[in-house]
Each structure stands twice: as structure tokens, then as C-alpha cells.
Amino acid sequence: MCDSPCGQKSSFFADHLRHRLGQRVEYRQTIAAAAVILEEFALALDAGPDKYATAEADNITALSYESSQ
């Protein structure tokens, strides 16, 4: 039959379940943090071309000004 009292098995199961639920919370927190990082990265990628275009326009304006002097 059973080697240990049923209370010990029940306690083991409860401990195991608490551990698994704790892992689930940690996984959710990790995924949420990754989502924030990816969102910030996506925003940076969206802003990159605009910053590059502005810098290029500024450079062209500066070169045009210098050549007209």
C-alpha cells in the first residue's frame, strides 16, 4: 500500500503545487518584462528613421549654407 502516511503525501503535493504556482508567477513576470522591453525597442525602431532623416536634412542644409558662402 502506501509507505508514508497520507498526510505526508498530501503535504508533498501541496508543496509541489505551491512551487509550480510560484514558477507560473515568475514566468508571467518575466514575459511581462520582456513585453515592455520589446515595446520600447519597437518604439526606438520607429523613431530611428525619423531621427536619421532629420539629421540628413540638417547636414544637407549645413552643406548648402557652406557652399553658398
Protein backbone atom coordinates (compact mmCIF):
# COMPACT_ATOMS: atom_id res chain seq x y z
CA MET A 1 0.00 0.00 0.00
CA CYS A 2 1.35 3.38 1.00
CA ASP A 3 4.80 3.75 2.56
CA SER A 4 4.06 7.00 4.32
CA PRO A 5 1.01 8.45 6.00
CA CYS A 6 -1.42 10.11 3.61
CA GLY A 7 -0.85 13.43 5.36
CA GLN A 8 2.77 13.44 4.19
CA LYS A 9 1.75 12.75 0.61
CA SER A 10 -0.85 15.49 0.80
CA SER A 11 1.73 17.89 2.22
CA PHE A 12 4.21 16.95 -0.52
CA PHE A 13 1.56 17.55 -3.17
CA ALA A 14 0.62 20.92 -1.64
CA ASP A 15 4.29 21.98 -1.50
CA HIS A 16 4.78 20.88 -5.09
CA LEU A 17 1.68 22.77 -6.19
CA ARG A 18 2.80 25.95 -4.39
CA HIS A 19 6.20 25.65 -6.06
CA ARG A 20 4.63 25.25 -9.52
CA LEU A 21 2.30 28.21 -8.93
CA GLY A 22 5.30 30.28 -7.84
CA GLN A 23 7.06 29.36 -11.07
CA ARG A 24 3.98 30.37 -13.03
CA VAL A 25 4.03 33.81 -11.40
CA GLU A 26 7.74 34.17 -12.17
CA TYR A 27 7.16 33.19 -15.80
CA ARG A 28 4.34 35.72 -16.12
CA GLN A 29 6.55 38.45 -14.63
CA THR A 30 9.38 37.54 -17.00
CA ILE A 31 7.07 37.60 -20.00
CA ALA A 32 5.60 40.94 -18.91
CA ALA A 33 9.09 42.43 -18.53
CA ALA A 34 10.10 41.10 -21.95
CA ALA A 35 6.97 42.65 -23.48
CA VAL A 36 7.92 46.06 -22.04
CA ILE A 37 11.46 45.75 -23.43
CA LEU A 38 10.18 44.71 -26.86
CA GLU A 39 7.70 47.60 -26.91
CA GLU A 40 10.49 50.08 -26.09
CA PHE A 41 12.66 48.50 -28.79
CA ALA A 42 9.84 48.78 -31.33
CA LEU A 43 9.33 52.45 -30.46
CA ALA A 44 13.06 53.07 -30.88
CA LEU A 45 12.99 51.36 -34.28
CA ASP A 46 10.04 53.52 -35.32
CA ALA A 47 11.79 56.70 -34.17
CA GLY A 48 15.12 55.79 -35.80
CA PRO A 49 14.26 56.63 -39.43
CA ASP A 50 12.76 59.98 -38.44
CA LYS A 51 15.88 60.92 -36.48
CA TYR A 52 18.09 59.80 -39.36
CA ALA A 53 16.05 61.78 -41.90
CA THR A 54 16.18 64.89 -39.71
CA ALA A 55 19.95 64.56 -39.29
CA GLU A 56 20.40 64.12 -43.05
CA ALA A 57 18.24 67.17 -43.75
CA ASP A 58 20.27 69.20 -41.25
CA ASN A 59 23.51 68.04 -42.89
CA ILE A 60 22.26 68.97 -46.37
CA THR A 61 21.16 72.39 -45.10
CA ALA A 62 24.55 72.94 -43.48
CA LEU A 63 26.42 71.87 -46.62
CA SER A 64 24.24 74.10 -48.79
CA TYR A 65 24.90 77.04 -46.48
CA GLU A 66 28.67 76.40 -46.52
CA SER A 67 28.81 76.12 -50.31
CA SER A 68 26.90 79.38 -50.76
CA GLN A 69 29.41 81.32 -48.66
